[in-house]
């Protein structure tokens, strides 16, 4: 009897959507930590990479948390619009409400989500270090909240 890929795939348990987003967001945070640790060995453009990585980590962990709280969450409805997810799920998720209530942080997330939408080009410019720090801190905060909810590290 021949085994087909579709038979194997159907027999395998599927990873919950929130878990997939969580692990992807964690991978970006791990990438950030690696680059930061080796920043002196890397090119000087690391300051430009910081918000890109933080923006991806925030987006993926926001999607993870939304999917964790809402089994019907459909990421295709949002593309890379992290702010839209934060605003729509703020009434259900306390951390999202806190972020939405912080106008300056929400503006920073909105600005830097544009870096995620940039493809096949370069992103440049000076990034204020305080904004960069807030974005990175938000990435860790959202990931930490998901870790606490799920017990994953």
C-alpha atoms as a PDB file:
ATOM      1  CA  UNK A   1       0.000   0.000   0.000  1.00  0.00           C
ATOM      2  CA  UNK A   2       1.369   3.387  -1.013  1.00  0.00           C
ATOM      3  CA  UNK A   3       1.554   6.184   1.564  1.00  0.00           C
ATOM      4  CA  UNK A   4       0.658   9.592   0.262  1.00  0.00           C
ATOM      5  CA  UNK A   5       1.740  12.927   1.718  1.00  0.00           C
ATOM      6  CA  UNK A   6      -1.904  13.915   2.233  1.00  0.00           C
ATOM      7  CA  UNK A   7      -2.433  10.814   4.403  1.00  0.00           C
ATOM      8  CA  UNK A   8       0.575  11.666   6.556  1.00  0.00           C
ATOM      9  CA  UNK A   9      -0.422  15.333   6.779  1.00  0.00           C
ATOM     10  CA  UNK A  10      -3.972  14.472   7.891  1.00  0.00           C
ATOM     11  CA  UNK A  11      -2.642  12.108  10.559  1.00  0.00           C
ATOM     12  CA  UNK A  12      -0.332  14.749  12.028  1.00  0.00           C
ATOM     13  CA  UNK A  13      -1.698  17.036  14.720  1.00  0.00           C
ATOM     14  CA  UNK A  14      -1.804  20.644  13.630  1.00  0.00           C
ATOM     15  CA  UNK A  15      -0.186  23.439  15.563  1.00  0.00           C
ATOM     16  CA  UNK A  16      -2.685  26.005  16.814  1.00  0.00           C
ATOM     17  CA  UNK A  17      -2.540  29.260  14.864  1.00  0.00           C
ATOM     18  CA  UNK A  18      -1.578  31.257  17.966  1.00  0.00           C
ATOM     19  CA  UNK A  19       1.335  28.897  18.597  1.00  0.00           C
ATOM     20  CA  UNK A  20       2.637  29.302  15.072  1.00  0.00           C
ATOM     21  CA  UNK A  21       2.618  33.100  15.426  1.00  0.00           C
ATOM     22  CA  UNK A  22       4.146  32.914  18.901  1.00  0.00           C
ATOM     23  CA  UNK A  23       7.067  30.751  17.781  1.00  0.00           C
ATOM     24  CA  UNK A  24       7.696  32.944  14.732  1.00  0.00           C
ATOM     25  CA  UNK A  25       7.676  36.088  16.924  1.00  0.00           C
ATOM     26  CA  UNK A  26      10.044  34.409  19.370  1.00  0.00           C
ATOM     27  CA  UNK A  27      12.385  33.515  16.507  1.00  0.00           C
ATOM     28  CA  UNK A  28      12.558  37.214  15.542  1.00  0.00           C
ATOM     29  CA  UNK A  29      13.294  38.198  19.144  1.00  0.00           C
ATOM     30  CA  UNK A  30      16.036  35.546  19.253  1.00  0.00           C
ATOM     31  CA  UNK A  31      17.424  37.002  16.015  1.00  0.00           C
ATOM     32  CA  UNK A  32      17.417  40.464  17.590  1.00  0.00           C
ATOM     33  CA  UNK A  33      19.283  39.159  20.646  1.00  0.00           C
ATOM     34  CA  UNK A  34      21.871  37.411  18.461  1.00  0.00           C
ATOM     35  CA  UNK A  35      22.440  40.523  16.347  1.00  0.00           C
ATOM     36  CA  UNK A  36      22.668  42.719  19.428  1.00  0.00           C
ATOM     37  CA  UNK A  37      25.185  40.366  21.005  1.00  0.00           C
ATOM     38  CA  UNK A  38      27.315  40.431  17.853  1.00  0.00           C
ATOM     39  CA  UNK A  39      26.628  44.038  16.824  1.00  0.00           C
ATOM     40  CA  UNK A  40      30.273  45.065  16.876  1.00  0.00           C
ATOM     41  CA  UNK A  41      31.061  42.327  14.378  1.00  0.00           C
ATOM     42  CA  UNK A  42      28.129  43.321  12.151  1.00  0.00           C
ATOM     43  CA  UNK A  43      27.665  46.193   9.755  1.00  0.00           C
ATOM     44  CA  UNK A  44      26.783  49.577  11.201  1.00  0.00           C
ATOM     45  CA  UNK A  45      23.230  49.314   9.821  1.00  0.00           C
ATOM     46  CA  UNK A  46      22.060  47.390  12.869  1.00  0.00           C
ATOM     47  CA  UNK A  47      20.171  50.483  14.084  1.00  0.00           C
ATOM     48  CA  UNK A  48      18.003  50.214  10.977  1.00  0.00           C
ATOM     49  CA  UNK A  49      17.379  46.500  11.550  1.00  0.00           C
ATOM     50  CA  UNK A  50      16.203  46.977  15.162  1.00  0.00           C
ATOM     51  CA  UNK A  51      12.788  48.476  14.364  1.00  0.00           C
ATOM     52  CA  UNK A  52      12.219  46.035  11.508  1.00  0.00           C
ATOM     53  CA  UNK A  53      12.771  43.060  13.815  1.00  0.00           C
ATOM     54  CA  UNK A  54      10.796  44.647  16.647  1.00  0.00           C
ATOM     55  CA  UNK A  55       7.945  45.454  14.256  1.00  0.00           C
ATOM     56  CA  UNK A  56       7.803  41.832  13.085  1.00  0.00           C
ATOM     57  CA  UNK A  57       8.014  40.473  16.626  1.00  0.00           C
ATOM     58  CA  UNK A  58       5.203  42.776  17.746  1.00  0.00           C
ATOM     59  CA  UNK A  59       3.026  41.892  14.760  1.00  0.00           C
ATOM     60  CA  UNK A  60       3.499  38.143  15.216  1.00  0.00           C
ATOM     61  CA  UNK A  61       2.948  38.189  18.983  1.00  0.00           C
ATOM     62  CA  UNK A  62      -0.098  40.462  18.649  1.00  0.00           C
ATOM     63  CA  UNK A  63      -1.512  37.962  16.146  1.00  0.00           C
ATOM     64  CA  UNK A  64      -0.624  35.116  18.539  1.00  0.00           C
ATOM     65  CA  UNK A  65      -2.478  36.765  21.398  1.00  0.00           C
ATOM     66  CA  UNK A  66      -5.505  37.624  19.251  1.00  0.00           C
ATOM     67  CA  UNK A  67      -5.670  34.033  17.950  1.00  0.00           C
ATOM     68  CA  UNK A  68      -5.233  32.648  21.481  1.00  0.00           C
ATOM     69  CA  UNK A  69      -8.228  34.662  22.689  1.00  0.00           C
ATOM     70  CA  UNK A  70     -10.310  34.229  19.529  1.00  0.00           C
ATOM     71  CA  UNK A  71     -10.298  30.842  17.786  1.00  0.00           C
ATOM     72  CA  UNK A  72     -11.963  32.501  14.780  1.00  0.00           C
ATOM     73  CA  UNK A  73      -9.168  35.065  14.349  1.00  0.00           C
ATOM     74  CA  UNK A  74      -8.249  35.344  10.673  1.00  0.00           C
ATOM     75  CA  UNK A  75      -4.867  37.001  10.083  1.00  0.00           C
ATOM     76  CA  UNK A  76      -5.686  37.531   6.406  1.00  0.00           C
ATOM     77  CA  UNK A  77      -8.166  40.193   7.472  1.00  0.00           C
ATOM     78  CA  UNK A  78      -5.303  42.317   8.808  1.00  0.00           C
ATOM     79  CA  UNK A  79      -2.227  41.748   6.636  1.00  0.00           C
ATOM     80  CA  UNK A  80       0.496  43.709   8.492  1.00  0.00           C
ATOM     81  CA  UNK A  81      -1.911  46.136  10.180  1.00  0.00           C
ATOM     82  CA  UNK A  82      -0.911  45.511  13.789  1.00  0.00           C
ATOM     83  CA  UNK A  83      -2.626  48.680  14.998  1.00  0.00           C
ATOM     84  CA  UNK A  84      -5.951  47.488  13.573  1.00  0.00           C
ATOM     85  CA  UNK A  85      -5.651  44.220  15.524  1.00  0.00           C
ATOM     86  CA  UNK A  86      -4.698  46.076  18.710  1.00  0.00           C
ATOM     87  CA  UNK A  87      -7.709  48.388  18.407  1.00  0.00           C
ATOM     88  CA  UNK A  88     -10.211  45.660  17.518  1.00  0.00           C
ATOM     89  CA  UNK A  89      -9.130  43.322  20.303  1.00  0.00           C
ATOM     90  CA  UNK A  90      -8.476  45.997  22.950  1.00  0.00           C
ATOM     91  CA  UNK A  91     -11.889  45.487  24.578  1.00  0.00           C
ATOM     92  CA  UNK A  92     -11.088  41.764  25.070  1.00  0.00           C
ATOM     93  CA  UNK A  93      -7.346  41.896  25.852  1.00  0.00           C
ATOM     94  CA  UNK A  94      -6.158  44.160  28.669  1.00  0.00           C
ATOM     95  CA  UNK A  95      -2.592  44.503  27.340  1.00  0.00           C
ATOM     96  CA  UNK A  96      -3.928  45.626  23.953  1.00  0.00           C
ATOM     97  CA  UNK A  97      -6.095  48.217  25.710  1.00  0.00           C
ATOM     98  CA  UNK A  98      -3.046  49.516  27.580  1.00  0.00           C
ATOM     99  CA  UNK A  99      -1.120  49.846  24.300  1.00  0.00           C
ATOM    100  CA  UNK A 100      -4.055  51.523  22.531  1.00  0.00           C
ATOM    101  CA  UNK A 101      -4.360  53.994  25.428  1.00  0.00           C
ATOM    102  CA  UNK A 102      -0.674  54.911  25.054  1.00  0.00           C
ATOM    103  CA  UNK A 103      -0.940  57.293  22.088  1.00  0.00           C
ATOM    104  CA  UNK A 104       2.800  57.706  21.613  1.00  0.00           C
ATOM    105  CA  UNK A 105       3.496  53.949  21.657  1.00  0.00           C
ATOM    106  CA  UNK A 106       0.615  53.292  19.279  1.00  0.00           C
ATOM    107  CA  UNK A 107       1.988  55.946  16.903  1.00  0.00           C
ATOM    108  CA  UNK A 108       5.453  54.354  17.051  1.00  0.00           C
ATOM    109  CA  UNK A 109       4.011  50.912  16.296  1.00  0.00           C
ATOM    110  CA  UNK A 110       2.006  52.372  13.410  1.00  0.00           C
ATOM    111  CA  UNK A 111       5.071  54.089  11.963  1.00  0.00           C
ATOM    112  CA  UNK A 112       7.325  51.088  12.276  1.00  0.00           C
ATOM    113  CA  UNK A 113       4.770  48.628  10.936  1.00  0.00           C
ATOM    114  CA  UNK A 114       5.490  50.407   7.650  1.00  0.00           C
ATOM    115  CA  UNK A 115       8.967  48.844   7.717  1.00  0.00           C
ATOM    116  CA  UNK A 116       7.320  45.421   7.583  1.00  0.00           C
ATOM    117  CA  UNK A 117       5.434  46.470   4.461  1.00  0.00           C
ATOM    118  CA  UNK A 118       8.659  47.472   2.679  1.00  0.00           C
ATOM    119  CA  UNK A 119       9.812  44.786   0.289  1.00  0.00           C
ATOM    120  CA  UNK A 120      12.655  44.598  -2.164  1.00  0.00           C
ATOM    121  CA  UNK A 121      14.034  47.956  -1.145  1.00  0.00           C
ATOM    122  CA  UNK A 122      15.983  49.582   1.573  1.00  0.00           C
ATOM    123  CA  UNK A 123      14.786  51.380   4.634  1.00  0.00           C
ATOM    124  CA  UNK A 124      16.939  54.150   5.947  1.00  0.00           C
ATOM    125  CA  UNK A 125      16.922  57.177   8.116  1.00  0.00           C
ATOM    126  CA  UNK A 126      17.667  58.132  11.652  1.00  0.00           C
ATOM    127  CA  UNK A 127      15.594  56.353  14.246  1.00  0.00           C
ATOM    128  CA  UNK A 128      15.379  58.117  17.594  1.00  0.00           C
ATOM    129  CA  UNK A 129      16.828  55.765  20.192  1.00  0.00           C
ATOM    130  CA  UNK A 130      13.996  56.397  22.668  1.00  0.00           C
ATOM    131  CA  UNK A 131      11.393  55.332  20.072  1.00  0.00           C
ATOM    132  CA  UNK A 132      13.488  52.350  19.142  1.00  0.00           C
ATOM    133  CA  UNK A 133      13.776  51.326  22.812  1.00  0.00           C
ATOM    134  CA  UNK A 134      10.003  51.658  23.332  1.00  0.00           C
ATOM    135  CA  UNK A 135       9.311  49.498  20.284  1.00  0.00           C
ATOM    136  CA  UNK A 136      11.739  46.807  21.428  1.00  0.00           C
ATOM    137  CA  UNK A 137      10.354  46.950  24.981  1.00  0.00           C
ATOM    138  CA  UNK A 138       6.827  46.515  23.583  1.00  0.00           C
ATOM    139  CA  UNK A 139       7.962  43.451  21.607  1.00  0.00           C
ATOM    140  CA  UNK A 140       9.323  41.873  24.793  1.00  0.00           C
ATOM    141  CA  UNK A 141       6.266  42.882  26.815  1.00  0.00           C
ATOM    142  CA  UNK A 142       3.786  41.320  24.373  1.00  0.00           C
ATOM    143  CA  UNK A 143       5.901  38.182  24.051  1.00  0.00           C
ATOM    144  CA  UNK A 144       6.163  37.946  27.846  1.00  0.00           C
ATOM    145  CA  UNK A 145       2.395  38.211  28.193  1.00  0.00           C
ATOM    146  CA  UNK A 146       1.946  35.365  25.687  1.00  0.00           C
ATOM    147  CA  UNK A 147       4.554  33.308  27.523  1.00  0.00           C
ATOM    148  CA  UNK A 148       2.667  33.810  30.792  1.00  0.00           C
ATOM    149  CA  UNK A 149      -0.643  32.857  29.180  1.00  0.00           C
ATOM    150  CA  UNK A 150       0.650  29.719  27.527  1.00  0.00           C
ATOM    151  CA  UNK A 151       3.550  28.593  29.684  1.00  0.00           C
ATOM    152  CA  UNK A 152       5.792  28.566  26.600  1.00  0.00           C
ATOM    153  CA  UNK A 153       9.232  30.147  26.763  1.00  0.00           C
END
